Amino acid sequence: MNDCVFCRIVTGTAPATKVFEDDAVCAFLDIRPITRGHTLVIPKQHATELDDLDPELGALVFRTGHRLARALRRGGLASDGANLVLNDGVAAFQTVGHVHLHVVPRKHGDKLSFAKGFLLRRPHETESTAAAIRAGLTALGQAEGAQG
């Protein structure tokens, strides 16, 4: 049996504050966030590193990260930008053996608080943070619907 914590989050046997989920990917708040709203996007199908990940599924992980980054600008967190980071392998500081994309909200002039957050990595009001991200996803969907 796979003892991967991210696989257990997918199956619901490990806790997580999920902000998005579909048949292929799951997005949830990082338990040690750098900034408020720091979210992880994972493929539901286990892949330890990029070499193990189907390229189409990898593209879906990045599309979901792109959508979340856009949503972070529209929800209550009102970010000014985002870092999208994927650490591939232990040599690249990957700490959980399941491919995951970090979506880290950023604000103008946040260099010092970002550096502090990188060192401390403490949770920030998970339920209200998740609600703000979900509201951003809803607003993004409504904006896209109005354009379509």
N, C-alpha and C. Protein backbone atom coordinates (compact mmCIF):
# COMPACT_ATOMS: atom_id res chain seq x y z
N MET A 1 0.84 -1.19 0.00
CA MET A 1 0.00 0.00 0.00
C MET A 1 0.87 1.24 0.00
N ASN A 2 0.43 2.25 -0.71
CA ASN A 2 1.14 3.51 -0.80
C ASN A 2 0.92 4.31 0.48
N ASP A 3 1.99 4.73 1.14
CA ASP A 3 1.88 5.50 2.37
C ASP A 3 2.09 6.98 2.12
N CYS A 4 1.72 7.45 0.95
CA CYS A 4 1.90 8.86 0.58
C CYS A 4 0.82 9.71 1.24
N VAL A 5 1.23 10.75 1.97
CA VAL A 5 0.26 11.61 2.64
C VAL A 5 -0.64 12.32 1.64
N PHE A 6 -0.13 12.69 0.48
CA PHE A 6 -0.97 13.37 -0.51
C PHE A 6 -2.00 12.41 -1.10
N CYS A 7 -1.63 11.15 -1.29
CA CYS A 7 -2.61 10.16 -1.75
C CYS A 7 -3.69 9.97 -0.69
N ARG A 8 -3.31 10.02 0.57
CA ARG A 8 -4.29 9.89 1.65
C ARG A 8 -5.21 11.12 1.70
N ILE A 9 -4.70 12.28 1.37
CA ILE A 9 -5.55 13.48 1.29
C ILE A 9 -6.58 13.29 0.18
N VAL A 10 -6.13 12.76 -0.95
CA VAL A 10 -7.05 12.52 -2.07
C VAL A 10 -8.18 11.57 -1.67
N THR A 11 -7.84 10.51 -0.93
CA THR A 11 -8.86 9.53 -0.53
C THR A 11 -9.67 9.98 0.68
N GLY A 12 -9.25 11.06 1.32
CA GLY A 12 -9.98 11.56 2.48
C GLY A 12 -9.57 10.93 3.79
N THR A 13 -8.47 10.16 3.79
CA THR A 13 -8.03 9.52 5.03
C THR A 13 -6.98 10.34 5.77
N ALA A 14 -6.57 11.47 5.19
CA ALA A 14 -5.69 12.42 5.87
C ALA A 14 -6.36 13.79 5.75
N PRO A 15 -6.25 14.61 6.78
CA PRO A 15 -6.93 15.91 6.75
C PRO A 15 -6.25 16.91 5.82
N ALA A 16 -7.07 17.77 5.23
CA ALA A 16 -6.57 18.87 4.40
C ALA A 16 -7.71 19.86 4.22
N THR A 17 -7.35 21.10 4.00
CA THR A 17 -8.34 22.12 3.68
C THR A 17 -8.32 22.29 2.17
N LYS A 18 -9.25 21.61 1.52
CA LYS A 18 -9.31 21.61 0.06
C LYS A 18 -9.97 22.89 -0.45
N VAL A 19 -9.44 23.42 -1.54
CA VAL A 19 -10.04 24.60 -2.16
C VAL A 19 -10.58 24.30 -3.55
N PHE A 20 -10.11 23.19 -4.15
CA PHE A 20 -10.58 22.79 -5.48
C PHE A 20 -10.31 21.30 -5.65
N GLU A 21 -11.22 20.64 -6.37
CA GLU A 21 -11.02 19.23 -6.67
C GLU A 21 -11.86 18.88 -7.88
N ASP A 22 -11.29 18.08 -8.77
CA ASP A 22 -12.05 17.48 -9.86
C ASP A 22 -11.60 16.04 -10.00
N ASP A 23 -11.89 15.41 -11.12
CA ASP A 23 -11.56 13.99 -11.28
C ASP A 23 -10.06 13.72 -11.32
N ALA A 24 -9.24 14.72 -11.72
CA ALA A 24 -7.82 14.48 -11.97
C ALA A 24 -6.88 15.16 -10.98
N VAL A 25 -7.29 16.29 -10.42
CA VAL A 25 -6.40 17.06 -9.54
C VAL A 25 -7.11 17.46 -8.25
N CYS A 26 -6.31 17.81 -7.27
CA CYS A 26 -6.81 18.29 -5.99
C CYS A 26 -5.92 19.46 -5.57
N ALA A 27 -6.54 20.51 -5.03
CA ALA A 27 -5.78 21.66 -4.54
C ALA A 27 -6.19 21.92 -3.09
N PHE A 28 -5.22 22.10 -2.23
CA PHE A 28 -5.47 22.30 -0.81
C PHE A 28 -4.43 23.22 -0.22
N LEU A 29 -4.76 23.81 0.93
CA LEU A 29 -3.83 24.73 1.59
C LEU A 29 -2.62 23.97 2.12
N ASP A 30 -1.45 24.56 1.94
CA ASP A 30 -0.22 24.01 2.50
C ASP A 30 -0.30 24.11 4.02
N ILE A 31 0.09 23.07 4.74
CA ILE A 31 0.01 23.10 6.20
C ILE A 31 1.12 23.97 6.81
N ARG A 32 2.13 24.29 6.03
CA ARG A 32 3.20 25.18 6.48
C ARG A 32 3.37 26.29 5.43
N PRO A 33 2.38 27.18 5.34
CA PRO A 33 2.39 28.17 4.25
C PRO A 33 3.47 29.24 4.40
N ILE A 34 3.96 29.67 3.26
CA ILE A 34 4.89 30.80 3.22
C ILE A 34 4.11 32.10 3.36
N THR A 35 2.97 32.18 2.67
CA THR A 35 2.07 33.33 2.77
C THR A 35 0.66 32.80 2.94
N ARG A 36 -0.24 33.66 3.38
CA ARG A 36 -1.64 33.26 3.52
C ARG A 36 -2.19 32.93 2.13
N GLY A 37 -2.76 31.75 1.99
CA GLY A 37 -3.30 31.31 0.72
C GLY A 37 -2.38 30.37 -0.05
N HIS A 38 -1.21 30.09 0.48
CA HIS A 38 -0.26 29.17 -0.16
C HIS A 38 -0.98 27.83 -0.36
N THR A 39 -1.12 27.45 -1.61
CA THR A 39 -1.90 26.28 -2.00
C THR A 39 -1.04 25.28 -2.76
N LEU A 40 -1.33 24.01 -2.59
CA LEU A 40 -0.66 22.95 -3.34
C LEU A 40 -1.65 22.35 -4.32
N VAL A 41 -1.19 22.12 -5.54
CA VAL A 41 -2.00 21.44 -6.55
C VAL A 41 -1.30 20.12 -6.85
N ILE A 42 -2.06 19.03 -6.74
CA ILE A 42 -1.47 17.70 -6.96
C ILE A 42 -2.30 16.92 -7.97
N PRO A 43 -1.65 16.02 -8.71
CA PRO A 43 -2.43 15.06 -9.49
C PRO A 43 -2.98 14.01 -8.52
N LYS A 44 -4.20 13.57 -8.75
CA LYS A 44 -4.76 12.52 -7.89
C LYS A 44 -4.05 11.19 -8.11
N GLN A 45 -3.60 10.96 -9.30
CA GLN A 45 -2.83 9.75 -9.60
C GLN A 45 -1.42 9.96 -9.07
N HIS A 46 -0.93 9.03 -8.27
CA HIS A 46 0.39 9.19 -7.66
C HIS A 46 1.49 9.24 -8.72
N ALA A 47 2.35 10.21 -8.57
CA ALA A 47 3.58 10.34 -9.36
C ALA A 47 4.61 10.94 -8.41
N THR A 48 5.69 10.23 -8.18
CA THR A 48 6.69 10.70 -7.23
C THR A 48 7.42 11.94 -7.74
N GLU A 49 7.85 11.89 -8.99
CA GLU A 49 8.58 13.00 -9.61
C GLU A 49 8.05 13.22 -11.02
N LEU A 50 8.55 14.25 -11.68
CA LEU A 50 8.06 14.56 -13.03
C LEU A 50 8.27 13.41 -14.00
N ASP A 51 9.34 12.63 -13.84
CA ASP A 51 9.57 11.48 -14.72
C ASP A 51 8.42 10.47 -14.64
N ASP A 52 7.70 10.46 -13.51
CA ASP A 52 6.60 9.52 -13.31
C ASP A 52 5.25 10.08 -13.74
N LEU A 53 5.21 11.36 -14.10
CA LEU A 53 3.95 12.05 -14.35
C LEU A 53 3.63 12.09 -15.84
N ASP A 54 2.42 11.66 -16.19
CA ASP A 54 1.96 11.77 -17.56
C ASP A 54 1.96 13.25 -17.96
N PRO A 55 2.54 13.61 -19.10
CA PRO A 55 2.63 15.02 -19.51
C PRO A 55 1.28 15.73 -19.58
N GLU A 56 0.24 15.03 -20.01
CA GLU A 56 -1.09 15.66 -20.07
C GLU A 56 -1.62 15.98 -18.67
N LEU A 57 -1.37 15.07 -17.74
CA LEU A 57 -1.78 15.31 -16.36
C LEU A 57 -0.95 16.45 -15.77
N GLY A 58 0.33 16.50 -16.10
CA GLY A 58 1.18 17.61 -15.66
C GLY A 58 0.67 18.94 -16.18
N ALA A 59 0.23 18.96 -17.43
CA ALA A 59 -0.33 20.18 -18.01
C ALA A 59 -1.59 20.60 -17.25
N LEU A 60 -2.39 19.63 -16.83
CA LEU A 60 -3.60 19.93 -16.07
C LEU A 60 -3.25 20.49 -14.69
N VAL A 61 -2.21 19.96 -14.06
CA VAL A 61 -1.75 20.50 -12.78
C VAL A 61 -1.37 21.97 -12.94
N PHE A 62 -0.63 22.29 -14.00
CA PHE A 62 -0.21 23.68 -14.22
C PHE A 62 -1.39 24.56 -14.61
N ARG A 63 -2.33 24.05 -15.39
CA ARG A 63 -3.53 24.84 -15.73
C ARG A 63 -4.32 25.16 -14.47
N THR A 64 -4.41 24.19 -13.57
CA THR A 64 -5.11 24.43 -12.31
C THR A 64 -4.36 25.46 -11.47
N GLY A 65 -3.04 25.36 -11.41
CA GLY A 65 -2.25 26.36 -10.70
C GLY A 65 -2.41 27.75 -11.29
N HIS A 66 -2.46 27.83 -12.61
CA HIS A 66 -2.67 29.10 -13.32
C HIS A 66 -4.02 29.68 -12.92
N ARG A 67 -5.05 28.84 -12.92
CA ARG A 67 -6.40 29.28 -12.56
C ARG A 67 -6.45 29.76 -11.10
N LEU A 68 -5.81 29.02 -10.20
CA LEU A 68 -5.77 29.43 -8.80
C LEU A 68 -5.04 30.76 -8.62
N ALA A 69 -3.92 30.93 -9.32
CA ALA A 69 -3.18 32.19 -9.23
C ALA A 69 -4.05 33.36 -9.68
N ARG A 70 -4.82 33.15 -10.73
CA ARG A 70 -5.74 34.19 -11.20
C ARG A 70 -6.85 34.43 -10.19
N ALA A 71 -7.36 33.35 -9.58
CA ALA A 71 -8.42 33.47 -8.59
C ALA A 71 -7.95 34.21 -7.34
N LEU A 72 -6.69 34.05 -6.97
CA LEU A 72 -6.15 34.72 -5.78
C LEU A 72 -6.22 36.24 -5.91
N ARG A 73 -6.21 36.74 -7.13
CA ARG A 73 -6.33 38.19 -7.35
C ARG A 73 -7.77 38.66 -7.17
N ARG A 74 -8.74 37.75 -7.26
CA ARG A 74 -10.15 38.14 -7.26
C ARG A 74 -10.86 37.87 -5.95
N GLY A 75 -10.30 37.03 -5.10
CA GLY A 75 -10.94 36.70 -3.83
C GLY A 75 -10.52 37.66 -2.73
N GLY A 76 -10.89 37.33 -1.51
CA GLY A 76 -10.61 38.18 -0.37
C GLY A 76 -9.14 38.36 -0.05
N LEU A 77 -8.28 37.52 -0.60
CA LEU A 77 -6.84 37.67 -0.34
C LEU A 77 -6.24 38.77 -1.21
N ALA A 78 -6.86 39.04 -2.34
CA ALA A 78 -6.48 40.14 -3.24
C ALA A 78 -4.97 40.21 -3.46
N SER A 79 -4.38 39.11 -3.91
CA SER A 79 -2.95 39.12 -4.17
C SER A 79 -2.64 39.97 -5.41
N ASP A 80 -1.41 40.41 -5.50
CA ASP A 80 -0.95 41.18 -6.65
C ASP A 80 -0.23 40.30 -7.66
N GLY A 81 0.07 39.08 -7.27
CA GLY A 81 0.79 38.14 -8.13
C GLY A 81 0.92 36.82 -7.40
N ALA A 82 1.67 35.91 -8.01
CA ALA A 82 1.87 34.59 -7.39
C ALA A 82 3.17 33.98 -7.90
N ASN A 83 3.77 33.18 -7.05
CA ASN A 83 4.86 32.31 -7.47
C ASN A 83 4.26 30.93 -7.68
N LEU A 84 4.55 30.32 -8.83
CA LEU A 84 4.19 28.93 -9.10
C LEU A 84 5.50 28.17 -9.13
N VAL A 85 5.65 27.22 -8.19
CA VAL A 85 6.93 26.53 -8.02
C VAL A 85 6.69 25.03 -7.91
N LEU A 86 7.48 24.26 -8.65
CA LEU A 86 7.44 22.81 -8.54
C LEU A 86 8.87 22.34 -8.28
N ASN A 87 9.08 21.73 -7.13
CA ASN A 87 10.39 21.18 -6.79
C ASN A 87 10.40 19.72 -7.23
N ASP A 88 11.24 19.39 -8.19
CA ASP A 88 11.27 18.04 -8.76
C ASP A 88 12.44 17.24 -8.23
N GLY A 89 12.17 16.40 -7.23
CA GLY A 89 13.20 15.54 -6.67
C GLY A 89 13.83 16.12 -5.42
N VAL A 90 14.41 15.25 -4.64
CA VAL A 90 15.04 15.64 -3.38
C VAL A 90 16.13 16.69 -3.62
N ALA A 91 16.88 16.56 -4.70
CA ALA A 91 17.94 17.53 -5.01
C ALA A 91 17.38 18.93 -5.22
N ALA A 92 16.09 19.02 -5.58
CA ALA A 92 15.44 20.31 -5.80
C ALA A 92 14.55 20.70 -4.62
N PHE A 93 14.81 20.11 -3.45
CA PHE A 93 14.11 20.41 -2.21
C PHE A 93 12.67 19.90 -2.17
N GLN A 94 12.34 18.87 -2.94
CA GLN A 94 11.03 18.24 -2.84
C GLN A 94 10.99 17.46 -1.54
N THR A 95 10.03 17.78 -0.68
CA THR A 95 9.98 17.15 0.64
C THR A 95 8.90 16.07 0.76
N VAL A 96 7.92 16.07 -0.13
CA VAL A 96 6.89 15.02 -0.16
C VAL A 96 7.01 14.31 -1.50
N GLY A 97 7.10 12.98 -1.47
CA GLY A 97 7.30 12.20 -2.69
C GLY A 97 6.04 12.03 -3.51
N HIS A 98 5.44 13.13 -3.89
CA HIS A 98 4.26 13.16 -4.77
C HIS A 98 4.34 14.51 -5.46
N VAL A 99 4.31 14.52 -6.79
CA VAL A 99 4.41 15.78 -7.53
C VAL A 99 3.40 16.78 -6.98
N HIS A 100 3.85 18.00 -6.73
CA HIS A 100 2.95 19.05 -6.27
C HIS A 100 3.47 20.42 -6.71
N LEU A 101 2.52 21.24 -7.10
CA LEU A 101 2.81 22.60 -7.54
C LEU A 101 2.41 23.56 -6.43
N HIS A 102 3.35 24.40 -6.01
CA HIS A 102 3.06 25.42 -5.01
C HIS A 102 2.52 26.65 -5.73
N VAL A 103 1.40 27.18 -5.24
CA VAL A 103 0.86 28.45 -5.72
C VAL A 103 0.92 29.38 -4.51
N VAL A 104 1.85 30.34 -4.56
CA VAL A 104 2.13 31.19 -3.40
C VAL A 104 1.71 32.63 -3.73
N PRO A 105 0.64 33.12 -3.08
CA PRO A 105 0.21 34.49 -3.33
C PRO A 105 1.27 35.50 -2.91
N ARG A 106 1.37 36.58 -3.69
CA ARG A 106 2.34 37.64 -3.39
C ARG A 106 1.65 38.99 -3.43
N LYS A 107 2.20 39.93 -2.69
CA LYS A 107 1.73 41.32 -2.65
C LYS A 107 2.89 42.23 -3.01
N HIS A 108 2.58 43.38 -3.59
CA HIS A 108 3.62 44.36 -3.86
C HIS A 108 4.32 44.70 -2.54
N GLY A 109 5.64 44.74 -2.55
CA GLY A 109 6.41 45.13 -1.38
C GLY A 109 6.44 44.12 -0.25
N ASP A 110 6.19 42.84 -0.54
CA ASP A 110 6.12 41.84 0.53
C ASP A 110 7.43 41.09 0.75
N LYS A 111 8.53 41.60 0.25
CA LYS A 111 9.79 40.83 0.32
C LYS A 111 10.16 40.44 1.75
N LEU A 112 10.04 41.36 2.70
CA LEU A 112 10.42 41.03 4.08
C LEU A 112 9.43 40.04 4.70
N SER A 113 8.13 40.26 4.50
CA SER A 113 7.16 39.33 5.08
C SER A 113 7.23 37.98 4.38
N PHE A 114 7.56 37.98 3.08
CA PHE A 114 7.72 36.73 2.35
C PHE A 114 8.91 35.95 2.92
N ALA A 115 10.02 36.63 3.14
CA ALA A 115 11.22 35.98 3.70
C ALA A 115 10.91 35.44 5.10
N LYS A 116 10.20 36.22 5.91
CA LYS A 116 9.82 35.78 7.26
C LYS A 116 8.91 34.55 7.16
N GLY A 117 7.94 34.59 6.25
CA GLY A 117 7.03 33.47 6.06
C GLY A 117 7.75 32.22 5.58
N PHE A 118 8.77 32.41 4.75
CA PHE A 118 9.54 31.28 4.25
C PHE A 118 10.28 30.59 5.40
N LEU A 119 10.73 31.38 6.36
CA LEU A 119 11.45 30.81 7.51
C LEU A 119 10.51 30.22 8.55
N LEU A 120 9.38 30.88 8.83
CA LEU A 120 8.48 30.45 9.90
C LEU A 120 7.45 29.41 9.45
N ARG A 121 6.87 29.61 8.28
CA ARG A 121 5.88 28.71 7.69
C ARG A 121 4.84 28.23 8.70
N ARG A 122 3.95 29.15 9.07
CA ARG A 122 2.89 28.86 10.03
C ARG A 122 1.51 29.04 9.37
N PRO A 123 0.51 28.23 9.78
CA PRO A 123 -0.83 28.34 9.20
C PRO A 123 -1.48 29.70 9.45
N HIS A 124 -2.35 30.09 8.53
CA HIS A 124 -3.09 31.36 8.61
C HIS A 124 -4.57 31.08 8.46
N GLU A 125 -5.35 31.10 9.51
CA GLU A 125 -6.81 31.05 9.46
C GLU A 125 -7.30 30.21 8.28
N THR A 126 -7.14 28.91 8.36
CA THR A 126 -7.37 28.04 7.20
C THR A 126 -8.77 28.13 6.61
N GLU A 127 -9.80 28.15 7.43
CA GLU A 127 -11.16 28.15 6.86
C GLU A 127 -11.47 29.44 6.13
N SER A 128 -11.13 30.60 6.71
CA SER A 128 -11.41 31.86 6.02
C SER A 128 -10.50 32.02 4.80
N THR A 129 -9.30 31.49 4.88
CA THR A 129 -8.40 31.54 3.73
C THR A 129 -8.95 30.70 2.58
N ALA A 130 -9.38 29.48 2.89
CA ALA A 130 -9.95 28.62 1.86
C ALA A 130 -11.21 29.24 1.27
N ALA A 131 -12.04 29.85 2.11
CA ALA A 131 -13.27 30.50 1.61
C ALA A 131 -12.92 31.65 0.67
N ALA A 132 -11.87 32.41 0.98
CA ALA A 132 -11.45 33.51 0.12
C ALA A 132 -10.97 32.99 -1.24
N ILE A 133 -10.26 31.89 -1.24
CA ILE A 133 -9.78 31.31 -2.50
C ILE A 133 -10.96 30.78 -3.31
N ARG A 134 -11.88 30.09 -2.65
CA ARG A 134 -13.06 29.58 -3.36
C ARG A 134 -13.88 30.72 -3.94
N ALA A 135 -13.99 31.84 -3.20
CA ALA A 135 -14.71 33.01 -3.71
C ALA A 135 -14.01 33.57 -4.95
N GLY A 136 -12.70 33.55 -4.94
CA GLY A 136 -11.94 33.99 -6.11
C GLY A 136 -12.18 33.10 -7.31
N LEU A 137 -12.26 31.78 -7.07
CA LEU A 137 -12.55 30.85 -8.16
C LEU A 137 -13.95 31.10 -8.72
N THR A 138 -14.91 31.36 -7.84
CA THR A 138 -16.27 31.66 -8.28
C THR A 138 -16.30 32.94 -9.10
N ALA A 139 -15.62 33.99 -8.61
CA ALA A 139 -15.57 35.26 -9.34
C ALA A 139 -14.90 35.09 -10.69
N LEU A 140 -13.85 34.30 -10.73
CA LEU A 140 -13.15 34.05 -11.99
C LEU A 140 -14.08 33.32 -12.96
N GLY A 141 -14.79 32.32 -12.48
CA GLY A 141 -15.73 31.58 -13.32
C GLY A 141 -16.83 32.48 -13.86
N GLN A 142 -17.32 33.40 -13.03
CA GLN A 142 -18.36 34.32 -13.48
C GLN A 142 -17.81 35.27 -14.54
N ALA A 143 -16.59 35.75 -14.35
CA ALA A 143 -15.97 36.65 -15.33
C ALA A 143 -15.74 35.92 -16.65
N GLU A 144 -15.30 34.68 -16.57
CA GLU A 144 -15.08 33.90 -17.79
C GLU A 144 -16.40 33.60 -18.49
N GLY A 145 -17.46 33.34 -17.70
CA GLY A 145 -18.78 33.09 -18.27
C GLY A 145 -19.33 34.30 -18.99
N ALA A 146 -19.06 35.48 -18.43
CA ALA A 146 -19.54 36.72 -19.04
C ALA A 146 -18.83 37.01 -20.36
N GLN A 147 -17.58 36.55 -20.47
CA GLN A 147 -16.79 36.76 -21.70
C GLN A 147 -17.17 35.78 -22.79
N GLY A 148 -17.62 34.56 -22.37
CA GLY A 148 -17.86 33.46 -23.28
C GLY A 148 -19.07 33.66 -24.10
